[in-house]
PDB file of N, CA and C in Angstrom:
ATOM      1  N   UNK A   1     -17.116   4.181   6.902  1.00  0.00           N
ATOM      2  CA  UNK A   1     -15.963   3.369   7.022  1.00  0.00           C
ATOM      3  C   UNK A   1     -16.549   2.138   7.112  1.00  0.00           C
ATOM      4  N   UNK A   2     -15.764   1.002   6.275  1.00  0.00           N
ATOM      5  CA  UNK A   2     -16.327  -0.147   6.240  1.00  0.00           C
ATOM      6  C   UNK A   2     -16.226  -1.095   7.934  1.00  0.00           C
ATOM      7  N   UNK A   3     -16.855  -1.706   7.837  1.00  0.00           N
ATOM      8  CA  UNK A   3     -17.020  -2.852   9.139  1.00  0.00           C
ATOM      9  C   UNK A   3     -15.702  -3.218   9.609  1.00  0.00           C
ATOM     10  N   UNK A   4     -14.934  -3.667   8.800  1.00  0.00           N
ATOM     11  CA  UNK A   4     -13.602  -4.025   9.127  1.00  0.00           C
ATOM     12  C   UNK A   4     -12.353  -3.381   9.208  1.00  0.00           C
ATOM     13  N   UNK A   5     -13.094  -2.155   9.013  1.00  0.00           N
ATOM     14  CA  UNK A   5     -11.959  -0.906   9.226  1.00  0.00           C
ATOM     15  C   UNK A   5     -11.791  -0.440  10.811  1.00  0.00           C
ATOM     16  N   UNK A   6     -10.762  -0.200  11.184  1.00  0.00           N
ATOM     17  CA  UNK A   6     -10.385   0.462  12.534  1.00  0.00           C
ATOM     18  C   UNK A   6      -9.610   1.900  11.973  1.00  0.00           C
ATOM     19  N   UNK A   7      -9.458   2.934  13.244  1.00  0.00           N
ATOM     20  CA  UNK A   7      -8.706   3.736  13.238  1.00  0.00           C
ATOM     21  C   UNK A   7      -7.751   3.889  14.310  1.00  0.00           C
ATOM     22  N   UNK A   8      -6.728   4.314  13.941  1.00  0.00           N
ATOM     23  CA  UNK A   8      -5.605   4.485  14.932  1.00  0.00           C
ATOM     24  C   UNK A   8      -5.419   6.107  15.243  1.00  0.00           C
ATOM     25  N   UNK A   9      -5.609   6.487  16.171  1.00  0.00           N
ATOM     26  CA  UNK A   9      -5.632   8.048  16.494  1.00  0.00           C
ATOM     27  C   UNK A   9      -4.715   8.129  17.298  1.00  0.00           C
ATOM     28  N   UNK A  10      -3.461   9.134  17.130  1.00  0.00           N
ATOM     29  CA  UNK A  10      -2.457   9.474  17.900  1.00  0.00           C
ATOM     30  C   UNK A  10      -2.435  11.021  18.229  1.00  0.00           C
ATOM     31  N   UNK A  11      -2.823  11.177  19.453  1.00  0.00           N
ATOM     32  CA  UNK A  11      -3.012  12.745  20.046  1.00  0.00           C
ATOM     33  C   UNK A  11      -1.760  12.966  21.013  1.00  0.00           C
ATOM     34  N   UNK A  12      -0.972  14.246  20.747  1.00  0.00           N
ATOM     35  CA  UNK A  12       0.006  14.748  21.632  1.00  0.00           C
ATOM     36  C   UNK A  12      -0.263  16.377  21.886  1.00  0.00           C
ATOM     37  N   UNK A  13      -0.336  16.528  23.313  1.00  0.00           N
ATOM     38  CA  UNK A  13      -0.635  17.703  23.687  1.00  0.00           C
ATOM     39  C   UNK A  13       0.762  18.038  24.570  1.00  0.00           C
ATOM     40  N   UNK A  14       0.763  19.621  24.186  1.00  0.00           N
ATOM     41  CA  UNK A  14       2.018  20.060  24.569  1.00  0.00           C
ATOM     42  C   UNK A  14       1.932  20.969  25.713  1.00  0.00           C
ATOM     43  N   UNK A  15       2.096  21.150  26.650  1.00  0.00           N
ATOM     44  CA  UNK A  15       1.940  22.074  27.989  1.00  0.00           C
ATOM     45  C   UNK A  15       3.380  22.686  28.372  1.00  0.00           C
ATOM     46  N   UNK A  16       3.321  23.912  28.870  1.00  0.00           N
ATOM     47  CA  UNK A  16       4.267  24.652  29.068  1.00  0.00           C
ATOM     48  C   UNK A  16       3.996  24.802  30.756  1.00  0.00           C
ATOM     49  N   UNK A  17       4.835  24.343  31.395  1.00  0.00           N
ATOM     50  CA  UNK A  17       4.669  24.826  32.813  1.00  0.00           C
ATOM     51  C   UNK A  17       5.464  25.822  33.674  1.00  0.00           C
ATOM     52  N   UNK A  18       4.529  26.769  34.155  1.00  0.00           N
ATOM     53  CA  UNK A  18       5.440  27.860  35.105  1.00  0.00           C
ATOM     54  C   UNK A  18       4.515  27.785  36.564  1.00  0.00           C
ATOM     55  N   UNK A  19       5.463  27.594  37.436  1.00  0.00           N
ATOM     56  CA  UNK A  19       4.939  27.591  38.787  1.00  0.00           C
ATOM     57  C   UNK A  19       3.641  26.809  39.257  1.00  0.00           C
ATOM     58  N   UNK A  20       3.934  25.817  38.507  1.00  0.00           N
ATOM     59  CA  UNK A  20       2.938  24.660  38.759  1.00  0.00           C
ATOM     60  C   UNK A  20       1.674  24.759  38.114  1.00  0.00           C
ATOM     61  N   UNK A  21       1.616  25.861  37.064  1.00  0.00           N
ATOM     62  CA  UNK A  21       0.478  26.253  36.312  1.00  0.00           C
ATOM     63  C   UNK A  21       0.856  25.744  35.021  1.00  0.00           C
ATOM     64  N   UNK A  22      -0.098  24.970  34.408  1.00  0.00           N
ATOM     65  CA  UNK A  22       0.087  24.255  32.943  1.00  0.00           C
ATOM     66  C   UNK A  22      -0.657  25.187  32.124  1.00  0.00           C
ATOM     67  N   UNK A  23       0.011  25.446  30.943  1.00  0.00           N
ATOM     68  CA  UNK A  23      -0.731  26.088  30.037  1.00  0.00           C
ATOM     69  C   UNK A  23      -0.600  25.301  28.586  1.00  0.00           C
ATOM     70  N   UNK A  24      -1.536  24.790  28.071  1.00  0.00           N
ATOM     71  CA  UNK A  24      -1.565  24.269  26.614  1.00  0.00           C
ATOM     72  C   UNK A  24      -1.034  24.998  25.578  1.00  0.00           C
ATOM     73  N   UNK A  25       0.299  24.455  25.123  1.00  0.00           N
ATOM     74  CA  UNK A  25       0.580  25.492  23.989  1.00  0.00           C
ATOM     75  C   UNK A  25       0.593  24.806  22.604  1.00  0.00           C
ATOM     76  N   UNK A  26      -0.007  23.555  22.478  1.00  0.00           N
ATOM     77  CA  UNK A  26      -0.028  23.079  21.139  1.00  0.00           C
ATOM     78  C   UNK A  26      -0.805  21.647  21.191  1.00  0.00           C
ATOM     79  N   UNK A  27      -1.608  21.220  20.451  1.00  0.00           N
ATOM     80  CA  UNK A  27      -1.972  19.732  20.442  1.00  0.00           C
ATOM     81  C   UNK A  27      -1.824  19.343  18.795  1.00  0.00           C
ATOM     82  N   UNK A  28      -1.389  18.256  18.736  1.00  0.00           N
ATOM     83  CA  UNK A  28      -1.161  17.453  17.452  1.00  0.00           C
ATOM     84  C   UNK A  28      -1.669  16.140  17.237  1.00  0.00           C
ATOM     85  N   UNK A  29      -2.445  15.926  16.092  1.00  0.00           N
ATOM     86  CA  UNK A  29      -2.946  14.637  15.912  1.00  0.00           C
ATOM     87  C   UNK A  29      -2.659  14.067  14.845  1.00  0.00           C
ATOM     88  N   UNK A  30      -2.961  12.948  14.432  1.00  0.00           N
ATOM     89  CA  UNK A  30      -2.925  11.994  13.359  1.00  0.00           C
ATOM     90  C   UNK A  30      -3.806  10.788  13.451  1.00  0.00           C
ATOM     91  N   UNK A  31      -4.728  10.651  12.479  1.00  0.00           N
ATOM     92  CA  UNK A  31      -5.724   9.700  12.384  1.00  0.00           C
ATOM     93  C   UNK A  31      -5.659   8.876  11.389  1.00  0.00           C
ATOM     94  N   UNK A  32      -5.032   7.526  11.525  1.00  0.00           N
ATOM     95  CA  UNK A  32      -4.789   6.525  10.376  1.00  0.00           C
ATOM     96  C   UNK A  32      -6.118   5.530  10.317  1.00  0.00           C
ATOM     97  N   UNK A  33      -6.800   5.161   9.219  1.00  0.00           N
ATOM     98  CA  UNK A  33      -7.799   4.427   9.196  1.00  0.00           C
ATOM     99  C   UNK A  33      -7.342   3.302   8.336  1.00  0.00           C
ATOM    100  N   UNK A  34      -7.281   1.947   9.045  1.00  0.00           N
ATOM    101  CA  UNK A  34      -6.736   0.747   8.210  1.00  0.00           C
ATOM    102  C   UNK A  34      -7.542  -0.323   8.837  1.00  0.00           C
ATOM    103  N   UNK A  35      -7.288  -1.317   8.031  1.00  0.00           N
ATOM    104  CA  UNK A  35      -8.142  -2.890   8.301  1.00  0.00           C
ATOM    105  C   UNK A  35      -7.397  -3.211   9.445  1.00  0.00           C
ATOM    106  N   UNK A  36      -8.348  -3.611  10.389  1.00  0.00           N
ATOM    107  CA  UNK A  36      -7.980  -4.156  11.673  1.00  0.00           C
ATOM    108  C   UNK A  36      -6.566  -5.066  11.736  1.00  0.00           C
ATOM    109  N   UNK A  37      -6.537  -5.681  10.895  1.00  0.00           N
ATOM    110  CA  UNK A  37      -5.251  -6.539  10.787  1.00  0.00           C
ATOM    111  C   UNK A  37      -3.962  -5.871  10.723  1.00  0.00           C
ATOM    112  N   UNK A  38      -4.087  -4.658  10.275  1.00  0.00           N
ATOM    113  CA  UNK A  38      -3.088  -3.732   9.664  1.00  0.00           C
ATOM    114  C   UNK A  38      -2.299  -3.002  10.751  1.00  0.00           C
ATOM    115  N   UNK A  39      -3.246  -2.944  12.018  1.00  0.00           N
ATOM    116  CA  UNK A  39      -2.978  -2.168  13.231  1.00  0.00           C
ATOM    117  C   UNK A  39      -2.107  -3.071  14.403  1.00  0.00           C
ATOM    118  N   UNK A  40      -1.182  -2.888  14.634  1.00  0.00           N
ATOM    119  CA  UNK A  40      -0.119  -3.714  15.399  1.00  0.00           C
ATOM    120  C   UNK A  40       0.325  -3.022  16.820  1.00  0.00           C
ATOM    121  N   UNK A  41       0.466  -3.902  17.582  1.00  0.00           N
ATOM    122  CA  UNK A  41       1.085  -3.064  18.963  1.00  0.00           C
ATOM    123  C   UNK A  41       1.906  -4.271  19.455  1.00  0.00           C
ATOM    124  N   UNK A  42       3.200  -4.078  19.556  1.00  0.00           N
ATOM    125  CA  UNK A  42       4.023  -4.895  19.907  1.00  0.00           C
ATOM    126  C   UNK A  42       4.934  -4.585  21.445  1.00  0.00           C
ATOM    127  N   UNK A  43       4.887  -5.387  22.029  1.00  0.00           N
ATOM    128  CA  UNK A  43       5.754  -4.956  23.291  1.00  0.00           C
ATOM    129  C   UNK A  43       6.530  -6.142  23.334  1.00  0.00           C
ATOM    130  N   UNK A  44       8.147  -5.873  23.341  1.00  0.00           N
ATOM    131  CA  UNK A  44       9.228  -6.938  23.647  1.00  0.00           C
ATOM    132  C   UNK A  44      10.037  -6.242  24.627  1.00  0.00           C
ATOM    133  N   UNK A  45      11.205  -7.257  24.928  1.00  0.00           N
ATOM    134  CA  UNK A  45      12.318  -6.795  25.694  1.00  0.00           C
ATOM    135  C   UNK A  45      13.424  -7.268  24.802  1.00  0.00           C
ATOM    136  N   UNK A  46      14.588  -6.245  24.647  1.00  0.00           N
ATOM    137  CA  UNK A  46      15.635  -6.326  24.040  1.00  0.00           C
ATOM    138  C   UNK A  46      17.044  -6.481  25.035  1.00  0.00           C
ATOM    139  N   UNK A  47      17.779  -7.537  25.077  1.00  0.00           N
ATOM    140  CA  UNK A  47      18.510  -7.839  25.901  1.00  0.00           C
ATOM    141  C   UNK A  47      19.783  -6.915  25.925  1.00  0.00           C
ATOM    142  N   UNK A  48      20.395  -6.734  27.134  1.00  0.00           N
ATOM    143  CA  UNK A  48      21.578  -5.800  27.373  1.00  0.00           C
ATOM    144  C   UNK A  48      22.521  -6.037  26.380  1.00  0.00           C
ATOM    145  N   UNK A  49      23.680  -5.422  26.287  1.00  0.00           N
ATOM    146  CA  UNK A  49      25.119  -5.525  25.699  1.00  0.00           C
ATOM    147  C   UNK A  49      24.932  -6.072  24.335  1.00  0.00           C
ATOM    148  N   UNK A  50      23.901  -5.560  23.233  1.00  0.00           N
ATOM    149  CA  UNK A  50      23.821  -5.721  21.924  1.00  0.00           C
ATOM    150  C   UNK A  50      22.842  -6.494  21.524  1.00  0.00           C
ATOM    151  N   UNK A  51      22.024  -6.677  22.063  1.00  0.00           N
ATOM    152  CA  UNK A  51      20.822  -7.420  21.598  1.00  0.00           C
ATOM    153  C   UNK A  51      19.883  -6.603  20.938  1.00  0.00           C
ATOM    154  N   UNK A  52      19.260  -7.420  19.584  1.00  0.00           N
ATOM    155  CA  UNK A  52      18.470  -6.636  18.748  1.00  0.00           C
ATOM    156  C   UNK A  52      17.215  -7.013  18.455  1.00  0.00           C
ATOM    157  N   UNK A  53      16.542  -6.263  17.888  1.00  0.00           N
ATOM    158  CA  UNK A  53      15.028  -6.767  17.551  1.00  0.00           C
ATOM    159  C   UNK A  53      14.623  -6.033  16.220  1.00  0.00           C
ATOM    160  N   UNK A  54      14.271  -6.732  15.000  1.00  0.00           N
ATOM    161  CA  UNK A  54      14.097  -6.420  13.817  1.00  0.00           C
ATOM    162  C   UNK A  54      12.534  -5.999  13.662  1.00  0.00           C
ATOM    163  N   UNK A  55      12.218  -5.078  13.416  1.00  0.00           N
ATOM    164  CA  UNK A  55      10.458  -4.955  13.147  1.00  0.00           C
ATOM    165  C   UNK A  55      10.605  -4.492  11.714  1.00  0.00           C
ATOM    166  N   UNK A  56       9.702  -5.071  10.888  1.00  0.00           N
ATOM    167  CA  UNK A  56       9.358  -5.152   9.454  1.00  0.00           C
ATOM    168  C   UNK A  56       7.620  -4.990   9.495  1.00  0.00           C
ATOM    169  N   UNK A  57       6.890  -4.099   9.330  1.00  0.00           N
ATOM    170  CA  UNK A  57       5.638  -3.758   9.414  1.00  0.00           C
ATOM    171  C   UNK A  57       5.135  -4.113   7.870  1.00  0.00           C
ATOM    172  N   UNK A  58       3.878  -4.471   7.525  1.00  0.00           N
ATOM    173  CA  UNK A  58       3.573  -4.682   6.456  1.00  0.00           C
ATOM    174  C   UNK A  58       3.421  -3.156   5.669  1.00  0.00           C
ATOM    175  N   UNK A  59       3.154  -3.436   4.227  1.00  0.00           N
ATOM    176  CA  UNK A  59       3.189  -2.117   3.281  1.00  0.00           C
ATOM    177  C   UNK A  59       1.770  -1.317   3.483  1.00  0.00           C
ATOM    178  N   UNK A  60       1.944   0.129   3.238  1.00  0.00           N
ATOM    179  CA  UNK A  60       0.799   0.902   3.485  1.00  0.00           C
ATOM    180  C   UNK A  60       0.891   1.612   4.952  1.00  0.00           C
ATOM    181  N   UNK A  61       1.935   1.172   5.786  1.00  0.00           N
ATOM    182  CA  UNK A  61       1.781   1.723   7.186  1.00  0.00           C
ATOM    183  C   UNK A  61       2.003   3.342   7.113  1.00  0.00           C
ATOM    184  N   UNK A  62       1.395   4.103   7.938  1.00  0.00           N
ATOM    185  CA  UNK A  62       1.394   5.492   7.652  1.00  0.00           C
ATOM    186  C   UNK A  62       1.854   6.146   9.281  1.00  0.00           C
ATOM    187  N   UNK A  63       1.880   5.286  10.320  1.00  0.00           N
ATOM    188  CA  UNK A  63       2.007   5.988  11.429  1.00  0.00           C
ATOM    189  C   UNK A  63       2.759   4.431  12.469  1.00  0.00           C
ATOM    190  N   UNK A  64       3.935   5.009  12.855  1.00  0.00           N
ATOM    191  CA  UNK A  64       4.834   4.237  13.763  1.00  0.00           C
ATOM    192  C   UNK A  64       5.162   4.989  15.046  1.00  0.00           C
ATOM    193  N   UNK A  65       4.865   4.621  16.242  1.00  0.00           N
ATOM    194  CA  UNK A  65       5.315   5.315  17.333  1.00  0.00           C
ATOM    195  C   UNK A  65       5.878   4.221  18.323  1.00  0.00           C
ATOM    196  N   UNK A  66       7.183   4.619  18.781  1.00  0.00           N
ATOM    197  CA  UNK A  66       8.019   3.891  19.536  1.00  0.00           C
ATOM    198  C   UNK A  66       8.537   4.381  20.974  1.00  0.00           C
ATOM    199  N   UNK A  67       8.297   3.500  21.902  1.00  0.00           N
ATOM    200  CA  UNK A  67       8.643   3.886  23.035  1.00  0.00           C
ATOM    201  C   UNK A  67       9.608   3.005  23.583  1.00  0.00           C
ATOM    202  N   UNK A  68      10.553   3.439  24.474  1.00  0.00           N
ATOM    203  CA  UNK A  68      11.969   2.711  25.113  1.00  0.00           C
ATOM    204  C   UNK A  68      12.019   3.078  26.409  1.00  0.00           C
ATOM    205  N   UNK A  69      12.187   1.955  27.274  1.00  0.00           N
ATOM    206  CA  UNK A  69      12.707   2.301  28.564  1.00  0.00           C
ATOM    207  C   UNK A  69      13.971   2.487  29.140  1.00  0.00           C
ATOM    208  N   UNK A  70      14.855   2.217  28.027  1.00  0.00           N
ATOM    209  CA  UNK A  70      16.242   2.609  28.124  1.00  0.00           C
ATOM    210  C   UNK A  70      16.724   3.272  26.654  1.00  0.00           C
ATOM    211  N   UNK A  71      17.536   4.098  26.592  1.00  0.00           N
ATOM    212  CA  UNK A  71      18.070   4.642  25.268  1.00  0.00           C
ATOM    213  C   UNK A  71      18.307   3.404  24.200  1.00  0.00           C
ATOM    214  N   UNK A  72      18.000   3.532  23.276  1.00  0.00           N
ATOM    215  CA  UNK A  72      18.212   2.423  22.187  1.00  0.00           C
ATOM    216  C   UNK A  72      18.446   2.786  20.928  1.00  0.00           C
ATOM    217  N   UNK A  73      19.402   2.203  20.078  1.00  0.00           N
ATOM    218  CA  UNK A  73      19.795   2.572  18.756  1.00  0.00           C
ATOM    219  C   UNK A  73      18.757   2.204  17.900  1.00  0.00           C
ATOM    220  N   UNK A  74      18.091   2.906  16.994  1.00  0.00           N
ATOM    221  CA  UNK A  74      17.355   2.713  15.425  1.00  0.00           C
ATOM    222  C   UNK A  74      17.834   2.935  14.383  1.00  0.00           C
ATOM    223  N   UNK A  75      18.183   1.730  13.660  1.00  0.00           N
ATOM    224  CA  UNK A  75      18.318   1.954  12.167  1.00  0.00           C
ATOM    225  C   UNK A  75      16.877   2.084  11.322  1.00  0.00           C
ATOM    226  N   UNK A  76      16.647   3.046  10.909  1.00  0.00           N
ATOM    227  CA  UNK A  76      15.373   3.169  10.226  1.00  0.00           C
ATOM    228  C   UNK A  76      15.236   3.301   8.733  1.00  0.00           C
ATOM    229  N   UNK A  77      14.712   2.257   7.846  1.00  0.00           N
ATOM    230  CA  UNK A  77      14.560   2.356   6.478  1.00  0.00           C
ATOM    231  C   UNK A  77      13.219   2.585   6.091  1.00  0.00           C
ATOM    232  N   UNK A  78      12.995   3.695   5.331  1.00  0.00           N
ATOM    233  CA  UNK A  78      11.578   4.254   4.713  1.00  0.00           C
ATOM    234  C   UNK A  78      11.353   3.582   3.440  1.00  0.00           C
ATOM    235  N   UNK A  79      10.539   3.647   3.158  1.00  0.00           N
ATOM    236  CA  UNK A  79      10.022   2.771   1.813  1.00  0.00           C
ATOM    237  C   UNK A  79      10.793   3.339   0.567  1.00  0.00           C
ATOM    238  N   UNK A  80      10.962   4.545   0.363  1.00  0.00           N
ATOM    239  CA  UNK A  80      11.635   5.195  -0.625  1.00  0.00           C
ATOM    240  C   UNK A  80      13.095   4.995  -0.492  1.00  0.00           C
ATOM    241  N   UNK A  81      13.689   4.018   0.166  1.00  0.00           N
ATOM    242  CA  UNK A  81      14.955   3.567   0.490  1.00  0.00           C
ATOM    243  C   UNK A  81      15.733   4.595   1.337  1.00  0.00           C
ATOM    244  N   UNK A  82      15.255   5.569   1.796  1.00  0.00           N
ATOM    245  CA  UNK A  82      16.025   6.550   2.449  1.00  0.00           C
ATOM    246  C   UNK A  82      15.802   6.114   3.950  1.00  0.00           C
ATOM    247  N   UNK A  83      16.508   6.689   5.014  1.00  0.00           N
ATOM    248  CA  UNK A  83      16.487   6.105   6.095  1.00  0.00           C
ATOM    249  C   UNK A  83      17.496   7.155   6.961  1.00  0.00           C
ATOM    250  N   UNK A  84      17.558   6.418   8.425  1.00  0.00           N
ATOM    251  CA  UNK A  84      18.355   7.342   9.321  1.00  0.00           C
ATOM    252  C   UNK A  84      18.662   6.328  10.511  1.00  0.00           C
ATOM    253  N   UNK A  85      19.806   6.324  11.372  1.00  0.00           N
ATOM    254  CA  UNK A  85      20.049   5.912  12.427  1.00  0.00           C
ATOM    255  C   UNK A  85      20.179   6.851  13.563  1.00  0.00           C
ATOM    256  N   UNK A  86      19.491   6.528  14.682  1.00  0.00           N
ATOM    257  CA  UNK A  86      19.460   7.430  15.708  1.00  0.00           C
ATOM    258  C   UNK A  86      18.932   6.879  17.065  1.00  0.00           C
ATOM    259  N   UNK A  87      19.516   7.452  18.118  1.00  0.00           N
ATOM    260  CA  UNK A  87      19.266   6.823  19.258  1.00  0.00           C
ATOM    261  C   UNK A  87      18.222   7.390  20.027  1.00  0.00           C
ATOM    262  N   UNK A  88      17.150   6.477  20.529  1.00  0.00           N
ATOM    263  CA  UNK A  88      15.792   6.777  20.816  1.00  0.00           C
ATOM    264  C   UNK A  88      15.794   6.838  22.588  1.00  0.00           C
ATOM    265  N   UNK A  89      15.874   8.105  23.000  1.00  0.00           N
ATOM    266  CA  UNK A  89      16.095   8.140  24.480  1.00  0.00           C
ATOM    267  C   UNK A  89      14.680   7.516  25.083  1.00  0.00           C
ATOM    268  N   UNK A  90      13.393   8.124  24.788  1.00  0.00           N
ATOM    269  CA  UNK A  90      12.208   7.989  25.302  1.00  0.00           C
ATOM    270  C   UNK A  90      11.145   7.204  24.284  1.00  0.00           C
ATOM    271  N   UNK A  91      10.799   8.345  23.233  1.00  0.00           N
ATOM    272  CA  UNK A  91       9.958   8.283  22.393  1.00  0.00           C
ATOM    273  C   UNK A  91      10.246   8.601  20.921  1.00  0.00           C
ATOM    274  N   UNK A  92       9.833   8.058  19.751  1.00  0.00           N
ATOM    275  CA  UNK A  92       9.541   8.285  18.592  1.00  0.00           C
ATOM    276  C   UNK A  92       8.594   8.317  17.815  1.00  0.00           C
ATOM    277  N   UNK A  93       8.186   9.320  16.980  1.00  0.00           N
ATOM    278  CA  UNK A  93       7.094   9.187  16.314  1.00  0.00           C
ATOM    279  C   UNK A  93       7.511   9.518  14.576  1.00  0.00           C
ATOM    280  N   UNK A  94       6.910   8.475  13.843  1.00  0.00           N
ATOM    281  CA  UNK A  94       7.153   8.735  12.397  1.00  0.00           C
ATOM    282  C   UNK A  94       6.079   8.541  11.749  1.00  0.00           C
ATOM    283  N   UNK A  95       5.643   9.451  10.645  1.00  0.00           N
ATOM    284  CA  UNK A  95       4.500   9.421   9.908  1.00  0.00           C
ATOM    285  C   UNK A  95       4.866   9.187   8.518  1.00  0.00           C
ATOM    286  N   UNK A  96       6.064   8.280   8.383  1.00  0.00           N
ATOM    287  CA  UNK A  96       6.342   8.082   6.870  1.00  0.00           C
ATOM    288  C   UNK A  96       6.267   6.631   6.887  1.00  0.00           C
ATOM    289  N   UNK A  97       6.109   5.955   5.598  1.00  0.00           N
ATOM    290  CA  UNK A  97       5.934   4.417   5.523  1.00  0.00           C
ATOM    291  C   UNK A  97       7.281   3.869   5.665  1.00  0.00           C
ATOM    292  N   UNK A  98       7.385   2.908   6.903  1.00  0.00           N
ATOM    293  CA  UNK A  98       8.572   2.472   7.325  1.00  0.00           C
ATOM    294  C   UNK A  98       8.606   0.785   6.560  1.00  0.00           C
ATOM    295  N   UNK A  99       9.836   0.333   6.099  1.00  0.00           N
ATOM    296  CA  UNK A  99       9.992  -0.941   5.944  1.00  0.00           C
ATOM    297  C   UNK A  99      10.563  -1.813   6.959  1.00  0.00           C
ATOM    298  N   UNK A 100      11.524  -1.333   7.400  1.00  0.00           N
ATOM    299  CA  UNK A 100      12.311  -1.959   8.669  1.00  0.00           C
ATOM    300  C   UNK A 100      12.798  -0.882   9.430  1.00  0.00           C
ATOM    301  N   UNK A 101      12.723  -1.419  10.942  1.00  0.00           N
ATOM    302  CA  UNK A 101      13.752  -0.784  11.828  1.00  0.00           C
ATOM    303  C   UNK A 101      14.485  -1.783  12.897  1.00  0.00           C
ATOM    304  N   UNK A 102      15.676  -1.386  12.574  1.00  0.00           N
ATOM    305  CA  UNK A 102      16.558  -2.504  13.571  1.00  0.00           C
ATOM    306  C   UNK A 102      16.834  -1.761  14.885  1.00  0.00           C
ATOM    307  N   UNK A 103      16.270  -2.444  16.053  1.00  0.00           N
ATOM    308  CA  UNK A 103      16.747  -2.037  17.229  1.00  0.00           C
ATOM    309  C   UNK A 103      18.068  -2.525  17.914  1.00  0.00           C
ATOM    310  N   UNK A 104      19.063  -1.960  18.345  1.00  0.00           N
ATOM    311  CA  UNK A 104      20.047  -2.280  19.174  1.00  0.00           C
ATOM    312  C   UNK A 104      20.056  -1.529  20.581  1.00  0.00           C
ATOM    313  N   UNK A 105      20.058  -2.687  21.714  1.00  0.00           N
ATOM    314  CA  UNK A 105      20.254  -2.215  22.807  1.00  0.00           C
ATOM    315  C   UNK A 105      21.850  -2.080  23.036  1.00  0.00           C
ATOM    316  N   UNK A 106      22.326  -0.960  23.533  1.00  0.00           N
ATOM    317  CA  UNK A 106      23.823  -0.481  23.715  1.00  0.00           C
ATOM    318  C   UNK A 106      24.160  -0.581  25.224  1.00  0.00           C
ATOM    319  N   UNK A 107      23.048  -0.616  25.898  1.00  0.00           N
ATOM    320  CA  UNK A 107      23.583  -0.519  27.527  1.00  0.00           C
ATOM    321  C   UNK A 107      23.859  -1.713  27.799  1.00  0.00           C
ATOM    322  N   UNK A 108      25.128  -1.661  28.366  1.00  0.00           N
ATOM    323  CA  UNK A 108      25.910  -3.074  28.887  1.00  0.00           C
ATOM    324  C   UNK A 108      25.437  -4.006  29.915  1.00  0.00           C
ATOM    325  N   UNK A 109      24.429  -3.431  30.782  1.00  0.00           N
ATOM    326  CA  UNK A 109      24.196  -4.385  31.855  1.00  0.00           C
ATOM    327  C   UNK A 109      22.284  -4.408  31.789  1.00  0.00           C
ATOM    328  N   UNK A 110      21.768  -3.678  31.451  1.00  0.00           N
ATOM    329  CA  UNK A 110      20.086  -3.619  31.654  1.00  0.00           C
ATOM    330  C   UNK A 110      19.176  -3.760  30.385  1.00  0.00           C
ATOM    331  N   UNK A 111      18.487  -4.724  30.213  1.00  0.00           N
ATOM    332  CA  UNK A 111      17.577  -5.096  29.104  1.00  0.00           C
ATOM    333  C   UNK A 111      16.612  -3.876  29.045  1.00  0.00           C
ATOM    334  N   UNK A 112      16.093  -3.651  27.932  1.00  0.00           N
ATOM    335  CA  UNK A 112      15.332  -2.533  27.483  1.00  0.00           C
ATOM    336  C   UNK A 112      13.882  -2.842  26.895  1.00  0.00           C
ATOM    337  N   UNK A 113      12.818  -2.397  27.578  1.00  0.00           N
ATOM    338  CA  UNK A 113      11.624  -2.655  27.432  1.00  0.00           C
ATOM    339  C   UNK A 113      11.368  -1.604  25.669  1.00  0.00           C
ATOM    340  N   UNK A 114      10.954  -2.402  24.886  1.00  0.00           N
ATOM    341  CA  UNK A 114      10.343  -1.571  23.496  1.00  0.00           C
ATOM    342  C   UNK A 114       8.842  -1.904  23.174  1.00  0.00           C
ATOM    343  N   UNK A 115       8.027  -0.801  23.112  1.00  0.00           N
ATOM    344  CA  UNK A 115       6.901  -0.710  22.654  1.00  0.00           C
ATOM    345  C   UNK A 115       6.664  -0.115  21.330  1.00  0.00           C
ATOM    346  N   UNK A 116       6.104  -0.970  20.355  1.00  0.00           N
ATOM    347  CA  UNK A 116       5.715  -0.475  18.960  1.00  0.00           C
ATOM    348  C   UNK A 116       4.634  -0.391  18.842  1.00  0.00           C
ATOM    349  N   UNK A 117       3.765   0.798  18.284  1.00  0.00           N
ATOM    350  CA  UNK A 117       2.391   0.816  17.810  1.00  0.00           C
ATOM    351  C   UNK A 117       2.638   1.468  16.225  1.00  0.00           C
ATOM    352  N   UNK A 118       1.849   0.308  15.540  1.00  0.00           N
ATOM    353  CA  UNK A 118       2.020   0.683  13.986  1.00  0.00           C
ATOM    354  C   UNK A 118       0.980   0.497  12.950  1.00  0.00           C
ATOM    355  N   UNK A 119       0.452   1.351  12.368  1.00  0.00           N
ATOM    356  CA  UNK A 119      -0.645   1.256  11.620  1.00  0.00           C
ATOM    357  C   UNK A 119      -0.745   2.148  10.346  1.00  0.00           C
TER     358      UNK A 119
END
């Protein structure tokens, strides 16, 4: 790997709990090698009652992880011009190249924290 390259590794472990005993039922991982400048972490607050935030990553992104503190509407556009509109309740993982995501806080009284990791 070139000296200017970094890797972004996402690993998700799924556990099944039964009477306080956890059993690992699956491990999923994605490893993305990118130039250092192409891996970003953004933390921001989206204001209540219709506040928006637009995220437009650079080309060639392969992984986007989104975490929200309150349910938020996400309008996602993919490179192939496809997309979807979905309420994110806590976390969303995308492994397709994204050109834009518009987040809208539909909560009438509470601001929402938004964290995006993209690479």
